Structure formats: C-alpha cells, structure tokens
Amino acid sequence: MKKVWEVIKKILIWIGSLFVAIFTVLLVRDSRVKPENDTVEQDIREDDIDEINAKAAKKREEAIARIEHADARTLSEGYGSVCDAISDGKARFRKRCGRADN
C-alpha cells in the first residue's frame, strides 16, 4: 500500500509540474501581445524622446563650454592619466593571461 501512495504522489507531482509549465507558457505568450491601437502611449514616448533629446543637447553644450574654457595643461594631463590607466589595464590583463608580448 505504501508503494501505491508513492506512485500516486509521483503522478500528482508530474500533473502539477505540467500545469505549472502550461500556465507559464500561456502567461509568457500573453505578456508579449501588445495592443494594436495604442496611440496615446506612442505620443507619450515621442514627447519623452523630445524631452530627452533637449536635455542631452543642453548637457552637450555645457560640456563643450567647459572644454573650451579649460586650461590646455589640465586637458592634456587628464588625457595622459586616461592613457596611463588604459596602459596599466592592458599590462594587468596580459599578466593575468600569461602573455608577455606587446
């Protein structure tokens, strides 16, 4: 009798797993479906895109102004430190990979 209950238990577990798989597939399929006539959402997205582009243009102009007014020595030192950091990173990578070539 104990073996019968174990078999019934396994069957119920398989049936439960099957239902979970079916409902998961149906849920994923339904979440992919998008409404065809969703013009309000598209209008909002276009407005958001325009706002983002305007903010990006403003930030870009601020960055250009900062660079124009910066001292050449400061810019070159900043560029040099970036190049040094890249070179150090390459050296660490080569060392970690066991490569000694340039």
PDB file of N, CA and C in Angstrom:
ATOM      1  N   MET A   1       0.822  -1.189   0.000  1.00  0.00           N
ATOM      2  CA  MET A   1       0.000   0.000   0.000  1.00  0.00           C
ATOM      3  C   MET A   1       0.868   1.256   0.000  1.00  0.00           C
ATOM      4  N   LYS A   2       2.033   1.157   0.661  1.00  0.00           N
ATOM      5  CA  LYS A   2       2.934   2.297   0.728  1.00  0.00           C
ATOM      6  C   LYS A   2       3.453   2.658  -0.663  1.00  0.00           C
ATOM      7  N   LYS A   3       3.731   1.646  -1.483  1.00  0.00           N
ATOM      8  CA  LYS A   3       4.226   1.891  -2.836  1.00  0.00           C
ATOM      9  C   LYS A   3       3.151   2.536  -3.700  1.00  0.00           C
ATOM     10  N   VAL A   4       1.903   2.173  -3.465  1.00  0.00           N
ATOM     11  CA  VAL A   4       0.805   2.755  -4.239  1.00  0.00           C
ATOM     12  C   VAL A   4       0.732   4.253  -3.967  1.00  0.00           C
ATOM     13  N   TRP A   5       0.859   4.651  -2.709  1.00  0.00           N
ATOM     14  CA  TRP A   5       0.797   6.076  -2.374  1.00  0.00           C
ATOM     15  C   TRP A   5       1.982   6.829  -2.971  1.00  0.00           C
ATOM     16  N   GLU A   6       3.147   6.183  -3.013  1.00  0.00           N
ATOM     17  CA  GLU A   6       4.310   6.824  -3.626  1.00  0.00           C
ATOM     18  C   GLU A   6       4.087   7.038  -5.120  1.00  0.00           C
ATOM     19  N   VAL A   7       3.482   6.056  -5.782  1.00  0.00           N
ATOM     20  CA  VAL A   7       3.191   6.187  -7.213  1.00  0.00           C
ATOM     21  C   VAL A   7       2.166   7.293  -7.436  1.00  0.00           C
ATOM     22  N   ILE A   8       1.116   7.317  -6.613  1.00  0.00           N
ATOM     23  CA  ILE A   8       0.093   8.371  -6.735  1.00  0.00           C
ATOM     24  C   ILE A   8       0.725   9.744  -6.481  1.00  0.00           C
ATOM     25  N   LYS A   9       1.594   9.811  -5.505  1.00  0.00           N
ATOM     26  CA  LYS A   9       2.274  11.068  -5.186  1.00  0.00           C
ATOM     27  C   LYS A   9       3.118  11.539  -6.377  1.00  0.00           C
ATOM     28  N   LYS A  10       3.853  10.623  -7.013  1.00  0.00           N
ATOM     29  CA  LYS A  10       4.662  10.980  -8.181  1.00  0.00           C
ATOM     30  C   LYS A  10       3.788  11.442  -9.337  1.00  0.00           C
ATOM     31  N   ILE A  11       2.661  10.773  -9.534  1.00  0.00           N
ATOM     32  CA  ILE A  11       1.739  11.166 -10.610  1.00  0.00           C
ATOM     33  C   ILE A  11       1.203  12.569 -10.352  1.00  0.00           C
ATOM     34  N   LEU A  12       0.812  12.853  -9.117  1.00  0.00           N
ATOM     35  CA  LEU A  12       0.309  14.190  -8.786  1.00  0.00           C
ATOM     36  C   LEU A  12       1.393  15.257  -8.967  1.00  0.00           C
ATOM     37  N   ILE A  13       2.623  14.919  -8.628  1.00  0.00           N
ATOM     38  CA  ILE A  13       3.727  15.868  -8.822  1.00  0.00           C
ATOM     39  C   ILE A  13       3.919  16.154 -10.306  1.00  0.00           C
ATOM     40  N   TRP A  14       3.869  15.116 -11.145  1.00  0.00           N
ATOM     41  CA  TRP A  14       4.016  15.308 -12.594  1.00  0.00           C
ATOM     42  C   TRP A  14       2.868  16.143 -13.155  1.00  0.00           C
ATOM     43  N   ILE A  15       1.652  15.870 -12.692  1.00  0.00           N
ATOM     44  CA  ILE A  15       0.494  16.643 -13.172  1.00  0.00           C
ATOM     45  C   ILE A  15       0.634  18.105 -12.746  1.00  0.00           C
ATOM     46  N   GLY A  16       1.051  18.334 -11.514  1.00  0.00           N
ATOM     47  CA  GLY A  16       1.271  19.704 -11.044  1.00  0.00           C
ATOM     48  C   GLY A  16       2.348  20.411 -11.849  1.00  0.00           C
ATOM     49  N   SER A  17       3.430  19.711 -12.141  1.00  0.00           N
ATOM     50  CA  SER A  17       4.501  20.300 -12.951  1.00  0.00           C
ATOM     51  C   SER A  17       4.008  20.636 -14.349  1.00  0.00           C
ATOM     52  N   LEU A  18       3.174  19.765 -14.902  1.00  0.00           N
ATOM     53  CA  LEU A  18       2.613  20.003 -16.229  1.00  0.00           C
ATOM     54  C   LEU A  18       1.728  21.242 -16.229  1.00  0.00           C
ATOM     55  N   PHE A  19       0.876  21.398 -15.221  1.00  0.00           N
ATOM     56  CA  PHE A  19       0.021  22.586 -15.132  1.00  0.00           C
ATOM     57  C   PHE A  19       0.851  23.861 -14.984  1.00  0.00           C
ATOM     58  N   VAL A  20       1.882  23.805 -14.165  1.00  0.00           N
ATOM     59  CA  VAL A  20       2.747  24.977 -13.992  1.00  0.00           C
ATOM     60  C   VAL A  20       3.402  25.348 -15.318  1.00  0.00           C
ATOM     61  N   ALA A  21       3.884  24.357 -16.059  1.00  0.00           N
ATOM     62  CA  ALA A  21       4.520  24.633 -17.351  1.00  0.00           C
ATOM     63  C   ALA A  21       3.527  25.242 -18.334  1.00  0.00           C
ATOM     64  N   ILE A  22       2.317  24.693 -18.386  1.00  0.00           N
ATOM     65  CA  ILE A  22       1.299  25.209 -19.310  1.00  0.00           C
ATOM     66  C   ILE A  22       0.935  26.642 -18.959  1.00  0.00           C
ATOM     67  N   PHE A  23       0.686  26.913 -17.689  1.00  0.00           N
ATOM     68  CA  PHE A  23       0.315  28.274 -17.290  1.00  0.00           C
ATOM     69  C   PHE A  23       1.463  29.259 -17.503  1.00  0.00           C
ATOM     70  N   THR A  24       2.687  28.801 -17.321  1.00  0.00           N
ATOM     71  CA  THR A  24       3.838  29.673 -17.573  1.00  0.00           C
ATOM     72  C   THR A  24       3.923  30.042 -19.046  1.00  0.00           C
ATOM     73  N   VAL A  25       3.746  29.064 -19.919  1.00  0.00           N
ATOM     74  CA  VAL A  25       3.780  29.334 -21.361  1.00  0.00           C
ATOM     75  C   VAL A  25       2.661  30.291 -21.745  1.00  0.00           C
ATOM     76  N   LEU A  26       1.472  30.075 -21.222  1.00  0.00           N
ATOM     77  CA  LEU A  26       0.354  30.966 -21.542  1.00  0.00           C
ATOM     78  C   LEU A  26       0.602  32.374 -21.019  1.00  0.00           C
ATOM     79  N   LEU A  27       1.164  32.489 -19.828  1.00  0.00           N
ATOM     80  CA  LEU A  27       1.448  33.804 -19.256  1.00  0.00           C
ATOM     81  C   LEU A  27       2.489  34.552 -20.083  1.00  0.00           C
ATOM     82  N   VAL A  28       3.536  33.853 -20.503  1.00  0.00           N
ATOM     83  CA  VAL A  28       4.579  34.489 -21.312  1.00  0.00           C
ATOM     84  C   VAL A  28       4.019  34.902 -22.662  1.00  0.00           C
ATOM     85  N   ARG A  29       3.209  34.071 -23.257  1.00  0.00           N
ATOM     86  CA  ARG A  29       2.629  34.399 -24.561  1.00  0.00           C
ATOM     87  C   ARG A  29       1.710  35.611 -24.450  1.00  0.00           C
ATOM     88  N   ASP A  30       0.907  35.693 -23.397  1.00  0.00           N
ATOM     89  CA  ASP A  30       0.005  36.831 -23.222  1.00  0.00           C
ATOM     90  C   ASP A  30       0.763  38.116 -22.927  1.00  0.00           C
ATOM     91  N   SER A  31       1.889  38.013 -22.238  1.00  0.00           N
ATOM     92  CA  SER A  31       2.642  39.228 -21.914  1.00  0.00           C
ATOM     93  C   SER A  31       3.320  39.810 -23.142  1.00  0.00           C
ATOM     94  N   ARG A  32       3.554  39.009 -24.169  1.00  0.00           N
ATOM     95  CA  ARG A  32       4.184  39.503 -25.394  1.00  0.00           C
ATOM     96  C   ARG A  32       3.203  40.226 -26.300  1.00  0.00           C
ATOM     97  N   VAL A  33       1.924  39.967 -26.153  1.00  0.00           N
ATOM     98  CA  VAL A  33       0.915  40.583 -27.014  1.00  0.00           C
ATOM     99  C   VAL A  33       0.776  42.047 -26.629  1.00  0.00           C
ATOM    100  N   LYS A  34       0.863  42.928 -27.645  1.00  0.00           N
ATOM    101  CA  LYS A  34       0.726  44.362 -27.398  1.00  0.00           C
ATOM    102  C   LYS A  34      -0.496  44.867 -28.144  1.00  0.00           C
ATOM    103  N   PRO A  35      -1.173  45.835 -27.575  1.00  0.00           N
ATOM    104  CA  PRO A  35      -2.349  46.373 -28.259  1.00  0.00           C
ATOM    105  C   PRO A  35      -1.957  47.069 -29.560  1.00  0.00           C
ATOM    106  N   GLU A  36      -2.818  46.926 -30.569  1.00  0.00           N
ATOM    107  CA  GLU A  36      -2.515  47.495 -31.882  1.00  0.00           C
ATOM    108  C   GLU A  36      -2.789  48.992 -31.929  1.00  0.00           C
ATOM    109  N   ASN A  37      -3.833  49.462 -31.276  1.00  0.00           N
ATOM    110  CA  ASN A  37      -4.227  50.866 -31.339  1.00  0.00           C
ATOM    111  C   ASN A  37      -3.855  51.578 -30.050  1.00  0.00           C
ATOM    112  N   ASP A  38      -2.577  51.703 -29.811  1.00  0.00           N
ATOM    113  CA  ASP A  38      -2.109  52.338 -28.587  1.00  0.00           C
ATOM    114  C   ASP A  38      -1.409  53.646 -28.937  1.00  0.00           C
ATOM    115  N   THR A  39      -2.153  54.593 -29.504  1.00  0.00           N
ATOM    116  CA  THR A  39      -1.562  55.845 -29.966  1.00  0.00           C
ATOM    117  C   THR A  39      -1.190  56.760 -28.814  1.00  0.00           C
ATOM    118  N   VAL A  40      -1.907  56.685 -27.700  1.00  0.00           N
ATOM    119  CA  VAL A  40      -1.593  57.540 -26.555  1.00  0.00           C
ATOM    120  C   VAL A  40      -0.200  57.216 -26.042  1.00  0.00           C
ATOM    121  N   GLU A  41       0.115  55.925 -25.936  1.00  0.00           N
ATOM    122  CA  GLU A  41       1.426  55.522 -25.453  1.00  0.00           C
ATOM    123  C   GLU A  41       2.512  55.970 -26.422  1.00  0.00           C
ATOM    124  N   GLN A  42       2.251  55.910 -27.724  1.00  0.00           N
ATOM    125  CA  GLN A  42       3.227  56.354 -28.709  1.00  0.00           C
ATOM    126  C   GLN A  42       3.443  57.857 -28.614  1.00  0.00           C
ATOM    127  N   ASP A  43       2.375  58.634 -28.387  1.00  0.00           N
ATOM    128  CA  ASP A  43       2.514  60.078 -28.252  1.00  0.00           C
ATOM    129  C   ASP A  43       3.351  60.428 -27.030  1.00  0.00           C
ATOM    130  N   ILE A  44       3.134  59.712 -25.952  1.00  0.00           N
ATOM    131  CA  ILE A  44       3.910  59.964 -24.736  1.00  0.00           C
ATOM    132  C   ILE A  44       5.375  59.639 -24.988  1.00  0.00           C
ATOM    133  N   ARG A  45       5.624  58.568 -25.669  1.00  0.00           N
ATOM    134  CA  ARG A  45       7.004  58.194 -25.953  1.00  0.00           C
ATOM    135  C   ARG A  45       7.688  59.252 -26.811  1.00  0.00           C
ATOM    136  N   GLU A  46       6.991  59.785 -27.811  1.00  0.00           N
ATOM    137  CA  GLU A  46       7.580  60.815 -28.658  1.00  0.00           C
ATOM    138  C   GLU A  46       7.866  62.072 -27.849  1.00  0.00           C
ATOM    139  N   ASP A  47       6.962  62.428 -26.939  1.00  0.00           N
ATOM    140  CA  ASP A  47       7.206  63.585 -26.078  1.00  0.00           C
ATOM    141  C   ASP A  47       8.407  63.340 -25.169  1.00  0.00           C
ATOM    142  N   ASP A  48       8.491  62.129 -24.635  1.00  0.00           N
ATOM    143  CA  ASP A  48       9.630  61.795 -23.787  1.00  0.00           C
ATOM    144  C   ASP A  48      10.932  61.847 -24.579  1.00  0.00           C
ATOM    145  N   ILE A  49      10.889  61.359 -25.799  1.00  0.00           N
ATOM    146  CA  ILE A  49      12.082  61.376 -26.644  1.00  0.00           C
ATOM    147  C   ILE A  49      12.520  62.808 -26.911  1.00  0.00           C
ATOM    148  N   ASP A  50      11.571  63.679 -27.204  1.00  0.00           N
ATOM    149  CA  ASP A  50      11.909  65.084 -27.442  1.00  0.00           C
ATOM    150  C   ASP A  50      12.517  65.721 -26.195  1.00  0.00           C
ATOM    151  N   GLU A  51      11.943  65.406 -25.039  1.00  0.00           N
ATOM    152  CA  GLU A  51      12.463  65.958 -23.789  1.00  0.00           C
ATOM    153  C   GLU A  51      13.876  65.447 -23.512  1.00  0.00           C
ATOM    154  N   ILE A  52      14.088  64.167 -23.731  1.00  0.00           N
ATOM    155  CA  ILE A  52      15.413  63.580 -23.513  1.00  0.00           C
ATOM    156  C   ILE A  52      16.426  64.199 -24.466  1.00  0.00           C
ATOM    157  N   ASN A  53      16.038  64.371 -25.733  1.00  0.00           N
ATOM    158  CA  ASN A  53      16.946  64.979 -26.705  1.00  0.00           C
ATOM    159  C   ASN A  53      17.281  66.416 -26.330  1.00  0.00           C
ATOM    160  N   ALA A  54      16.297  67.152 -25.826  1.00  0.00           N
ATOM    161  CA  ALA A  54      16.545  68.539 -25.415  1.00  0.00           C
ATOM    162  C   ALA A  54      17.515  68.588 -24.236  1.00  0.00           C
ATOM    163  N   LYS A  55      17.310  67.697 -23.256  1.00  0.00           N
ATOM    164  CA  LYS A  55      18.221  67.654 -22.108  1.00  0.00           C
ATOM    165  C   LYS A  55      19.630  67.250 -22.540  1.00  0.00           C
ATOM    166  N   ALA A  56      19.717  66.296 -23.463  1.00  0.00           N
ATOM    167  CA  ALA A  56      21.029  65.853 -23.945  1.00  0.00           C
ATOM    168  C   ALA A  56      21.740  66.977 -24.682  1.00  0.00           C
ATOM    169  N   ALA A  57      21.003  67.736 -25.481  1.00  0.00           N
ATOM    170  CA  ALA A  57      21.606  68.858 -26.204  1.00  0.00           C
ATOM    171  C   ALA A  57      22.123  69.906 -25.225  1.00  0.00           C
ATOM    172  N   LYS A  58      21.364  70.168 -24.172  1.00  0.00           N
ATOM    173  CA  LYS A  58      21.787  71.143 -23.162  1.00  0.00           C
ATOM    174  C   LYS A  58      23.059  70.670 -22.466  1.00  0.00           C
ATOM    175  N   LYS A  59      23.095  69.398 -22.072  1.00  0.00           N
ATOM    176  CA  LYS A  59      24.281  68.855 -21.413  1.00  0.00           C
ATOM    177  C   LYS A  59      25.482  68.862 -22.356  1.00  0.00           C
ATOM    178  N   ARG A  60      25.246  68.569 -23.623  1.00  0.00           N
ATOM    179  CA  ARG A  60      26.318  68.575 -24.609  1.00  0.00           C
ATOM    180  C   ARG A  60      26.917  69.977 -24.739  1.00  0.00           C
ATOM    181  N   GLU A  61      26.051  70.987 -24.797  1.00  0.00           N
ATOM    182  CA  GLU A  61      26.523  72.373 -24.889  1.00  0.00           C
ATOM    183  C   GLU A  61      27.304  72.769 -23.641  1.00  0.00           C
ATOM    184  N   GLU A  62      26.843  72.326 -22.465  1.00  0.00           N
ATOM    185  CA  GLU A  62      27.567  72.616 -21.227  1.00  0.00           C
ATOM    186  C   GLU A  62      28.950  71.973 -21.240  1.00  0.00           C
ATOM    187  N   ALA A  63      29.032  70.740 -21.727  1.00  0.00           N
ATOM    188  CA  ALA A  63      30.320  70.049 -21.789  1.00  0.00           C
ATOM    189  C   ALA A  63      31.263  70.747 -22.762  1.00  0.00           C
ATOM    190  N   ILE A  64      30.735  71.165 -23.902  1.00  0.00           N
ATOM    191  CA  ILE A  64      31.562  71.872 -24.883  1.00  0.00           C
ATOM    192  C   ILE A  64      32.083  73.175 -24.289  1.00  0.00           C
ATOM    193  N   ALA A  65      31.225  73.892 -23.585  1.00  0.00           N
ATOM    194  CA  ALA A  65      31.645  75.147 -22.962  1.00  0.00           C
ATOM    195  C   ALA A  65      32.714  74.900 -21.900  1.00  0.00           C
ATOM    196  N   ARG A  66      32.560  73.844 -21.104  1.00  0.00           N
ATOM    197  CA  ARG A  66      33.561  73.510 -20.087  1.00  0.00           C
ATOM    198  C   ARG A  66      34.904  73.202 -20.729  1.00  0.00           C
ATOM    199  N   ILE A  67      34.880  72.438 -21.826  1.00  0.00           N
ATOM    200  CA  ILE A  67      36.127  72.076 -22.500  1.00  0.00           C
ATOM    201  C   ILE A  67      36.770  73.307 -23.133  1.00  0.00           C
ATOM    202  N   GLU A  68      35.963  74.182 -23.712  1.00  0.00           N
ATOM    203  CA  GLU A  68      36.508  75.391 -24.337  1.00  0.00           C
ATOM    204  C   GLU A  68      37.191  76.289 -23.319  1.00  0.00           C
ATOM    205  N   HIS A  69      36.665  76.348 -22.112  1.00  0.00           N
ATOM    206  CA  HIS A  69      37.212  77.241 -21.092  1.00  0.00           C
ATOM    207  C   HIS A  69      38.278  76.576 -20.224  1.00  0.00           C
ATOM    208  N   ALA A  70      38.515  75.298 -20.430  1.00  0.00           N
ATOM    209  CA  ALA A  70      39.501  74.593 -19.612  1.00  0.00           C
ATOM    210  C   ALA A  70      40.910  74.928 -20.090  1.00  0.00           C
ATOM    211  N   ASP A  71      41.841  74.846 -19.165  1.00  0.00           N
ATOM    212  CA  ASP A  71      43.244  75.081 -19.465  1.00  0.00           C
ATOM    213  C   ASP A  71      43.789  73.907 -20.280  1.00  0.00           C
ATOM    214  N   ALA A  72      44.635  74.195 -21.261  1.00  0.00           N
ATOM    215  CA  ALA A  72      45.190  73.143 -22.118  1.00  0.00           C
ATOM    216  C   ALA A  72      46.013  72.155 -21.303  1.00  0.00           C
ATOM    217  N   ARG A  73      46.735  72.647 -20.314  1.00  0.00           N
ATOM    218  CA  ARG A  73      47.555  71.761 -19.485  1.00  0.00           C
ATOM    219  C   ARG A  73      46.670  70.775 -18.719  1.00  0.00           C
ATOM    220  N   THR A  74      45.556  71.263 -18.196  1.00  0.00           N
ATOM    221  CA  THR A  74      44.630  70.402 -17.462  1.00  0.00           C
ATOM    222  C   THR A  74      44.064  69.319 -18.372  1.00  0.00           C
ATOM    223  N   LEU A  75      43.704  69.714 -19.591  1.00  0.00           N
ATOM    224  CA  LEU A  75      43.168  68.731 -20.534  1.00  0.00           C
ATOM    225  C   LEU A  75      44.212  67.684 -20.897  1.00  0.00           C
ATOM    226  N   SER A  76      45.448  68.129 -21.153  1.00  0.00           N
ATOM    227  CA  SER A  76      46.484  67.172 -21.545  1.00  0.00           C
ATOM    228  C   SER A  76      46.840  66.251 -20.382  1.00  0.00           C
ATOM    229  N   GLU A  77      46.860  66.783 -19.157  1.00  0.00           N
ATOM    230  CA  GLU A  77      47.132  65.929 -18.002  1.00  0.00           C
ATOM    231  C   GLU A  77      46.021  64.906 -17.814  1.00  0.00           C
ATOM    232  N   GLY A  78      44.779  65.344 -18.021  1.00  0.00           N
ATOM    233  CA  GLY A  78      43.657  64.410 -17.922  1.00  0.00           C
ATOM    234  C   GLY A  78      43.743  63.322 -18.974  1.00  0.00           C
ATOM    235  N   TYR A  79      44.097  63.714 -20.201  1.00  0.00           N
ATOM    236  CA  TYR A  79      44.235  62.742 -21.284  1.00  0.00           C
ATOM    237  C   TYR A  79      45.377  61.785 -20.983  1.00  0.00           C
ATOM    238  N   GLY A  80      46.480  62.320 -20.454  1.00  0.00           N
ATOM    239  CA  GLY A  80      47.620  61.473 -20.120  1.00  0.00           C
ATOM    240  C   GLY A  80      47.279  60.462 -19.046  1.00  0.00           C
ATOM    241  N   SER A  81      46.521  60.879 -18.045  1.00  0.00           N
ATOM    242  CA  SER A  81      46.160  59.942 -16.983  1.00  0.00           C
ATOM    243  C   SER A  81      45.230  58.851 -17.506  1.00  0.00           C
ATOM    244  N   VAL A  82      44.365  59.200 -18.454  1.00  0.00           N
ATOM    245  CA  VAL A  82      43.498  58.188 -19.063  1.00  0.00           C
ATOM    246  C   VAL A  82      44.337  57.188 -19.839  1.00  0.00           C
ATOM    247  N   CYS A  83      45.300  57.690 -20.623  1.00  0.00           N
ATOM    248  CA  CYS A  83      46.170  56.793 -21.389  1.00  0.00           C
ATOM    249  C   CYS A  83      46.981  55.892 -20.463  1.00  0.00           C
ATOM    250  N   ASP A  84      47.478  56.451 -19.357  1.00  0.00           N
ATOM    251  CA  ASP A  84      48.223  55.646 -18.388  1.00  0.00           C
ATOM    252  C   ASP A  84      47.337  54.564 -17.775  1.00  0.00           C
ATOM    253  N   ALA A  85      46.112  54.899 -17.459  1.00  0.00           N
ATOM    254  CA  ALA A  85      45.186  53.919 -16.877  1.00  0.00           C
ATOM    255  C   ALA A  85      44.900  52.798 -17.867  1.00  0.00           C
ATOM    256  N   ILE A  86      44.733  53.149 -19.143  1.00  0.00           N
ATOM    257  CA  ILE A  86      44.492  52.125 -20.168  1.00  0.00           C
ATOM    258  C   ILE A  86      45.715  51.230 -20.304  1.00  0.00           C
ATOM    259  N   SER A  87      46.895  51.822 -20.322  1.00  0.00           N
ATOM    260  CA  SER A  87      48.130  51.049 -20.434  1.00  0.00           C
ATOM    261  C   SER A  87      48.296  50.110 -19.243  1.00  0.00           C
ATOM    262  N   ASP A  88      48.036  50.608 -18.043  1.00  0.00           N
ATOM    263  CA  ASP A  88      48.121  49.758 -16.851  1.00  0.00           C
ATOM    264  C   ASP A  88      47.121  48.608 -16.919  1.00  0.00           C
ATOM    265  N   GLY A  89      45.928  48.897 -17.400  1.00  0.00           N
ATOM    266  CA  GLY A  89      44.914  47.849 -17.529  1.00  0.00           C
ATOM    267  C   GLY A  89      45.339  46.774 -18.511  1.00  0.00           C
ATOM    268  N   LYS A  90      45.934  47.193 -19.633  1.00  0.00           N
ATOM    269  CA  LYS A  90      46.428  46.224 -20.611  1.00  0.00           C
ATOM    270  C   LYS A  90      47.533  45.365 -20.007  1.00  0.00           C
ATOM    271  N   ALA A  91      48.428  45.994 -19.262  1.00  0.00           N
ATOM    272  CA  ALA A  91      49.523  45.247 -18.641  1.00  0.00           C
ATOM    273  C   ALA A  91      48.987  44.225 -17.641  1.00  0.00           C
ATOM    274  N   ARG A  92      48.019  44.625 -16.831  1.00  0.00           N
ATOM    275  CA  ARG A  92      47.422  43.677 -15.874  1.00  0.00           C
ATOM    276  C   ARG A  92      46.735  42.525 -16.598  1.00  0.00           C
ATOM    277  N   PHE A  93      46.056  42.835 -17.696  1.00  0.00           N
ATOM    278  CA  PHE A  93      45.365  41.794 -18.456  1.00  0.00           C
ATOM    279  C   PHE A  93      46.369  40.812 -19.050  1.00  0.00           C
ATOM    280  N   ARG A  94      47.432  41.345 -19.648  1.00  0.00           N
ATOM    281  CA  ARG A  94      48.450  40.466 -20.233  1.00  0.00           C
ATOM    282  C   ARG A  94      49.095  39.599 -19.157  1.00  0.00           C
ATOM    283  N   LYS A  95      49.360  40.203 -17.999  1.00  0.00           N
ATOM    284  CA  LYS A  95      49.972  39.453 -16.903  1.00  0.00           C
ATOM    285  C   LYS A  95      49.042  38.345 -16.433  1.00  0.00           C
ATOM    286  N   ARG A  96      47.765  38.653 -16.329  1.00  0.00           N
ATOM    287  CA  ARG A  96      46.791  37.657 -15.882  1.00  0.00           C
ATOM    288  C   ARG A  96      46.637  36.543 -16.908  1.00  0.00           C
ATOM    289  N   CYS A  97      46.732  36.893 -18.190  1.00  0.00           N
ATOM    290  CA  CYS A  97      46.596  35.884 -19.244  1.00  0.00           C
ATOM    291  C   CYS A  97      47.901  35.147 -19.501  1.00  0.00           C
ATOM    292  N   GLY A  98      48.989  35.635 -18.940  1.00  0.00           N
ATOM    293  CA  GLY A  98      50.265  34.975 -19.129  1.00  0.00           C
ATOM    294  C   GLY A  98      50.952  35.364 -20.417  1.00  0.00           C
ATOM    295  N   ARG A  99      50.556  36.489 -20.987  1.00  0.00           N
ATOM    296  CA  ARG A  99      51.171  36.942 -22.234  1.00  0.00           C
ATOM    297  C   ARG A  99      52.209  38.012 -21.914  1.00  0.00           C
ATOM    298  N   ALA A 100      53.358  37.914 -22.566  1.00  0.00           N
ATOM    299  CA  ALA A 100      54.418  38.889 -22.329  1.00  0.00           C
ATOM    300  C   ALA A 100      54.620  39.795 -23.534  1.00  0.00           C
ATOM    301  N   ASP A 101      53.895  39.532 -24.629  1.00  0.00           N
ATOM    302  CA  ASP A 101      54.101  40.341 -25.834  1.00  0.00           C
ATOM    303  C   ASP A 101      53.393  41.677 -25.722  1.00  0.00           C
ATOM    304  N   ASN A 102      53.695  42.583 -26.625  1.00  0.00           N
ATOM    305  CA  ASN A 102      53.102  43.928 -26.609  1.00  0.00           C
ATOM    306  C   ASN A 102      51.806  43.978 -27.332  1.00  0.00           C
TER     307      ASN A 102
END
